[in-house]
Protein backbone atom coordinates (compact mmCIF):
# COMPACT_ATOMS: atom_id res chain seq x y z
CA UNK A 1 -50.49 -212.13 18.45
CA UNK A 2 -54.21 -211.99 17.92
CA UNK A 3 -55.11 -209.33 15.06
CA UNK A 4 -58.61 -207.93 14.88
CA UNK A 5 -60.33 -205.41 12.90
CA UNK A 6 -61.91 -202.43 14.63
CA UNK A 7 -65.88 -202.07 14.66
CA UNK A 8 -66.77 -198.89 13.25
CA UNK A 9 -70.02 -198.91 15.10
CA UNK A 10 -68.16 -199.24 18.23
CA UNK A 11 -65.57 -196.59 17.58
CA UNK A 12 -68.09 -194.13 16.31
CA UNK A 13 -69.22 -192.94 19.79
CA UNK A 14 -65.73 -192.46 20.81
CA UNK A 15 -64.99 -190.52 17.66
CA UNK A 16 -67.88 -188.18 18.57
CA UNK A 17 -66.65 -187.77 22.02
CA UNK A 18 -63.08 -186.87 20.75
CA UNK A 19 -64.51 -184.20 18.33
CA UNK A 20 -66.52 -182.59 21.08
CA UNK A 21 -63.53 -182.62 23.34
CA UNK A 22 -61.45 -181.00 20.64
CA UNK A 23 -63.88 -178.37 20.18
CA UNK A 24 -63.83 -177.42 23.94
CA UNK A 25 -59.81 -177.22 23.96
CA UNK A 26 -58.52 -173.62 23.17
CA UNK A 27 -56.67 -173.59 19.94
CA UNK A 28 -52.97 -172.33 19.93
CA UNK A 29 -52.59 -168.75 19.57
CA UNK A 30 -52.20 -167.41 16.01
CA UNK A 31 -49.81 -164.75 14.77
CA UNK A 32 -52.82 -162.34 14.88
CA UNK A 33 -53.33 -162.99 18.53
CA UNK A 34 -49.58 -162.18 19.47
CA UNK A 35 -48.63 -158.59 20.02
CA UNK A 36 -45.07 -159.29 19.87
CA UNK A 37 -45.45 -160.58 16.38
CA UNK A 38 -47.69 -157.72 15.29
CA UNK A 39 -45.24 -155.11 16.55
CA UNK A 40 -41.80 -156.73 15.56
CA UNK A 41 -43.16 -157.99 12.32
CA UNK A 42 -43.40 -154.36 11.03
CA UNK A 43 -40.13 -153.33 12.22
CA UNK A 44 -36.91 -153.37 9.95
CA UNK A 45 -33.59 -155.05 10.35
CA UNK A 46 -32.59 -156.91 13.40
CA UNK A 47 -35.90 -155.85 15.27
CA UNK A 48 -37.99 -157.52 12.67
CA UNK A 49 -35.80 -160.39 11.92
CA UNK A 50 -36.88 -162.75 14.66
CA UNK A 51 -40.46 -162.84 13.43
CA UNK A 52 -39.36 -163.51 9.80
CA UNK A 53 -37.08 -166.35 11.09
CA UNK A 54 -39.87 -167.83 13.35
CA UNK A 55 -42.27 -167.94 10.48
CA UNK A 56 -40.22 -170.65 8.77
CA UNK A 57 -39.61 -172.72 11.96
CA UNK A 58 -40.95 -175.73 13.39
CA UNK A 59 -42.37 -173.77 16.34
CA UNK A 60 -44.55 -171.65 14.18
CA UNK A 61 -45.79 -174.81 12.37
CA UNK A 62 -46.90 -176.16 15.74
CA UNK A 63 -48.38 -172.94 17.13
CA UNK A 64 -45.46 -172.25 19.51
CA UNK A 65 -45.09 -168.43 19.48
CA UNK A 66 -42.82 -165.81 21.31
CA UNK A 67 -44.44 -165.95 24.73
CA UNK A 68 -44.24 -169.80 24.80
CA UNK A 69 -40.40 -169.40 25.12
CA UNK A 70 -39.76 -165.95 26.40
CA UNK A 71 -42.94 -165.52 28.63
CA UNK A 72 -44.70 -162.14 29.08
CA UNK A 73 -48.28 -161.33 28.00
CA UNK A 74 -48.82 -162.04 24.40
CA UNK A 75 -52.17 -159.96 24.27
CA UNK A 76 -51.22 -156.89 26.30
CA UNK A 77 -48.76 -154.64 24.25
CA UNK A 78 -47.86 -152.58 27.57
CA UNK A 79 -46.99 -155.83 29.55
CA UNK A 80 -45.66 -157.97 26.87
CA UNK A 81 -42.26 -157.73 28.15
CA UNK A 82 -43.27 -157.37 31.78
CA UNK A 83 -41.22 -159.53 34.39
CA UNK A 84 -44.33 -159.47 36.53
CA UNK A 85 -46.01 -161.19 33.62
CA UNK A 86 -43.26 -163.84 33.33
CA UNK A 87 -41.16 -162.35 30.72
CA UNK A 88 -37.79 -163.90 30.51
CA UNK A 89 -36.14 -162.36 27.47
CA UNK A 90 -32.93 -163.46 25.96
CA UNK A 91 -31.15 -166.39 27.94
CA UNK A 92 -27.38 -166.37 28.40
CA UNK A 93 -25.37 -168.87 26.25
CA UNK A 94 -24.82 -171.33 29.40
CA UNK A 95 -28.62 -171.02 30.13
CA UNK A 96 -29.86 -171.95 26.69
CA UNK A 97 -30.11 -175.79 27.16
CA UNK A 98 -32.14 -175.29 30.37
CA UNK A 99 -34.22 -172.61 28.57
CA UNK A 100 -35.10 -174.99 25.86
CA UNK A 101 -35.38 -178.04 28.26
CA UNK A 102 -38.47 -176.64 30.09
CA UNK A 103 -40.38 -178.39 27.13
CA UNK A 104 -37.84 -180.70 25.74
CA UNK A 105 -36.96 -182.52 28.95
CA UNK A 106 -35.69 -185.72 27.64
CA UNK A 107 -33.70 -184.01 25.02
CA UNK A 108 -32.04 -181.81 27.79
CA UNK A 109 -30.90 -185.01 29.66
CA UNK A 110 -29.47 -186.46 26.55
CA UNK A 111 -27.59 -183.33 25.73
CA UNK A 112 -26.11 -182.86 29.21
CA UNK A 113 -24.86 -186.33 29.27
CA UNK A 114 -23.02 -185.97 25.86
CA UNK A 115 -19.72 -184.65 25.17
CA UNK A 116 -21.37 -181.46 23.58
CA UNK A 117 -23.21 -180.98 26.84
CA UNK A 118 -20.12 -181.49 29.01
CA UNK A 119 -18.57 -178.82 27.03
CA UNK A 120 -21.38 -176.31 28.03
CA UNK A 121 -19.83 -172.97 29.00
CA UNK A 122 -16.47 -173.77 27.64
CA UNK A 123 -17.14 -173.02 23.87
CA UNK A 124 -19.29 -176.25 23.44
CA UNK A 125 -22.43 -176.04 21.16
CA UNK A 126 -25.83 -175.35 22.58
CA UNK A 127 -29.24 -176.16 21.24
CA UNK A 128 -29.27 -173.05 19.01
CA UNK A 129 -25.88 -173.98 17.47
CA UNK A 130 -27.50 -176.70 15.34
CA UNK A 131 -31.30 -175.96 15.59
CA UNK A 132 -31.17 -172.23 15.32
CA UNK A 133 -32.71 -169.79 17.79
CA UNK A 134 -35.94 -168.25 16.04
CA UNK A 135 -36.04 -170.42 12.91
CA UNK A 136 -35.80 -173.59 14.85
CA UNK A 137 -35.22 -176.51 12.69
CA UNK A 138 -36.95 -179.90 13.37
CA UNK A 139 -34.57 -182.54 14.73
CA UNK A 140 -33.44 -184.89 11.96
CA UNK A 141 -30.59 -186.68 10.57
CA UNK A 142 -30.20 -183.80 8.09
CA UNK A 143 -28.78 -181.64 10.79
CA UNK A 144 -25.69 -183.93 10.84
CA UNK A 145 -23.69 -182.62 7.95
CA UNK A 146 -20.36 -181.52 7.08
CA UNK A 147 -21.28 -177.86 7.06
CA UNK A 148 -22.62 -177.96 10.66
CA UNK A 149 -20.19 -180.39 12.22
CA UNK A 150 -16.99 -179.02 10.56
CA UNK A 151 -17.48 -175.67 12.34
CA UNK A 152 -16.22 -177.20 15.54
CA UNK A 153 -14.42 -180.50 14.62
CA UNK A 154 -13.77 -183.10 11.88
CA UNK A 155 -17.03 -184.46 10.18
CA UNK A 156 -15.40 -187.84 10.00
CA UNK A 157 -16.87 -189.38 13.23
CA UNK A 158 -20.20 -187.49 12.92
CA UNK A 159 -20.47 -188.91 9.16
CA UNK A 160 -19.99 -192.62 10.60
CA UNK A 161 -22.62 -192.00 13.16
CA UNK A 162 -25.22 -190.67 10.61
CA UNK A 163 -24.56 -193.55 8.21
CA UNK A 164 -25.42 -196.19 10.76
CA UNK A 165 -28.37 -194.21 12.03
CA UNK A 166 -29.82 -193.59 8.42
CA UNK A 167 -30.25 -197.28 7.89
CA UNK A 168 -32.15 -197.58 11.18
CA UNK A 169 -34.31 -194.42 10.37
CA UNK A 170 -35.19 -195.79 6.96
CA UNK A 171 -36.54 -199.07 8.71
CA UNK A 172 -38.53 -196.97 11.20
CA UNK A 173 -40.21 -195.05 8.52
CA UNK A 174 -41.06 -198.15 6.45
CA UNK A 175 -42.78 -199.66 9.48
CA UNK A 176 -44.60 -196.51 10.28
CA UNK A 177 -45.88 -196.51 6.72
CA UNK A 178 -46.88 -200.16 7.09
CA UNK A 179 -48.80 -199.42 10.21
CA UNK A 180 -50.73 -196.35 8.79
CA UNK A 181 -51.70 -198.58 5.82
CA UNK A 182 -53.14 -201.28 7.99
CA UNK A 183 -54.69 -198.85 10.34
CA UNK A 184 -56.51 -197.26 7.55
CA UNK A 185 -57.73 -200.66 6.54
CA UNK A 186 -59.31 -201.22 10.00
CA UNK A 187 -56.79 -203.53 11.66
CA UNK A 188 -56.13 -203.01 15.42
CA UNK A 189 -52.46 -201.61 15.29
CA UNK A 190 -52.48 -200.16 18.90
CA UNK A 191 -49.68 -202.58 20.04
CA UNK A 192 -47.58 -201.72 16.81
CA UNK A 193 -47.93 -197.99 17.55
CA UNK A 194 -46.92 -198.29 21.05
CA UNK A 195 -43.94 -200.41 20.07
CA UNK A 196 -42.80 -198.01 17.39
CA UNK A 197 -43.30 -195.09 19.72
CA UNK A 198 -40.91 -196.70 22.25
CA UNK A 199 -38.29 -197.56 19.52
CA UNK A 200 -38.52 -193.90 18.21
CA UNK A 201 -37.74 -192.56 21.75
CA UNK A 202 -34.63 -194.82 22.03
CA UNK A 203 -33.55 -193.92 18.52
CA UNK A 204 -34.06 -190.21 19.03
CA UNK A 205 -32.04 -190.27 22.41
CA UNK A 206 -28.96 -191.12 20.12
CA UNK A 207 -29.14 -187.75 18.34
CA UNK A 208 -27.10 -185.84 20.77
CA UNK A 209 -24.62 -188.89 21.31
CA UNK A 210 -21.15 -188.32 19.62
CA UNK A 211 -19.85 -191.68 20.91
CA UNK A 212 -19.84 -193.83 17.89
CA UNK A 213 -19.31 -197.13 19.80
CA UNK A 214 -22.29 -196.44 21.97
CA UNK A 215 -24.55 -195.46 18.98
CA UNK A 216 -23.69 -198.85 17.39
CA UNK A 217 -24.37 -200.83 20.55
CA UNK A 218 -27.77 -199.06 21.03
CA UNK A 219 -28.61 -199.50 17.41
CA UNK A 220 -28.08 -203.15 17.61
CA UNK A 221 -30.72 -203.37 20.46
CA UNK A 222 -33.06 -201.27 18.45
CA UNK A 223 -32.76 -203.36 15.46
CA UNK A 224 -34.02 -206.38 17.58
CA UNK A 225 -37.12 -204.28 18.41
CA UNK A 226 -37.68 -203.45 14.92
CA UNK A 227 -37.41 -206.93 13.71
CA UNK A 228 -40.22 -207.90 16.06
CA UNK A 229 -42.38 -205.03 14.62
CA UNK A 230 -41.74 -206.15 10.98
CA UNK A 231 -42.84 -209.67 12.13
CA UNK A 232 -45.98 -208.27 13.48
CA UNK A 233 -46.69 -206.42 10.21
CA UNK A 234 -45.91 -209.67 8.15
CA UNK A 235 -48.37 -211.38 10.50
CA UNK A 236 -51.10 -208.81 9.52
CA UNK A 237 -50.12 -209.06 5.81
CA UNK A 238 -50.51 -212.87 5.82
CA UNK A 239 -53.73 -212.53 7.61
CA UNK A 240 -55.00 -210.11 5.03
CA UNK A 241 -53.92 -212.72 2.28
CA UNK A 242 -55.73 -215.48 4.03
CA UNK A 243 -58.79 -213.34 4.24
CA UNK A 244 -58.61 -212.55 0.50
CA UNK A 245 -57.93 -216.10 -0.42
CA UNK A 246 -60.89 -217.28 1.74
CA UNK A 247 -63.17 -214.72 0.17
CA UNK A 248 -61.99 -215.64 -3.27
CA UNK A 249 -62.62 -219.37 -2.67
CA UNK A 250 -66.28 -218.57 -1.13
CA UNK A 251 -67.07 -216.46 -4.14
CA UNK A 252 -65.70 -219.24 -6.49
CA UNK A 253 -67.66 -221.89 -4.60
CA UNK A 254 -70.88 -219.82 -4.75
CA UNK A 255 -70.45 -219.43 -8.46
CA UNK A 256 -69.71 -223.11 -8.89
CA UNK A 257 -72.72 -223.93 -6.93
CA UNK A 258 -74.81 -221.64 -9.01
CA UNK A 259 -73.45 -223.16 -12.19
CA UNK A 260 -74.12 -226.69 -11.10
CA UNK A 261 -77.60 -225.66 -9.95
CA UNK A 262 -78.29 -224.42 -13.50
CA UNK A 263 -77.02 -227.54 -15.25
CA UNK A 264 -79.06 -229.67 -12.94
CA UNK A 265 -82.00 -227.61 -13.62
CA UNK A 266 -81.58 -227.71 -17.36
CA UNK A 267 -81.07 -231.46 -17.23
CA UNK A 268 -84.19 -231.89 -15.10
CA UNK A 269 -86.14 -229.79 -17.60
CA UNK A 270 -84.97 -231.86 -20.42
CA UNK A 271 -85.90 -235.11 -18.93
CA UNK A 272 -89.42 -233.97 -18.08
């Protein structure tokens, strides 16, 4: 693989264009803009609880508010819950995966093909069982724990799956940190970033799989891809060391040449 440094003078116009573009894109609605939050946030008990839960969620962190899921008009109090404005309200239990799947399309597909999804409508878990409804928790291996899993079944198989996935996740995070470091130093990491993005998608598709054998087989394939990415990082690291060595040799050579010049000059002065 040919590894190059990005030229800041070539990327500057693109950065300026991106900045102008971002300024023209409407920012996500804030809590102050949403009448649902303003109204329910002042109410006691179960009527105000959704807002309190939402404030600590991954949705709130990413600017996803009530209307993003439930529809309605977030800026018109009189029509905030109007079906004519697209208000959906609270979904029935069997409809929850499709409700969330409007945004999380790939996750919905993974869930429906899993044993959990196949038990939908027959007591099986839905998205909110593990992720919560208003205080939506970010998907991570931390959700696979004895407290969550043992509500429905033994934790033994889930613990086994989590164990093998944790090792792979650790390697993914290490590679991600390596890419970020070299990108900051000006190396072209586009190929690495695209490769890791694909690996992460494959890895995350296993989060809803409760088949230990399938997880192990898929992880073996993912590990092969991670080895390739790690080798690319090693290549960049070696190139960096070579550049440092060449730089040090060039500096040393220049100093040696200057020293020899001074010695020759002194010798010449003495002879004359």
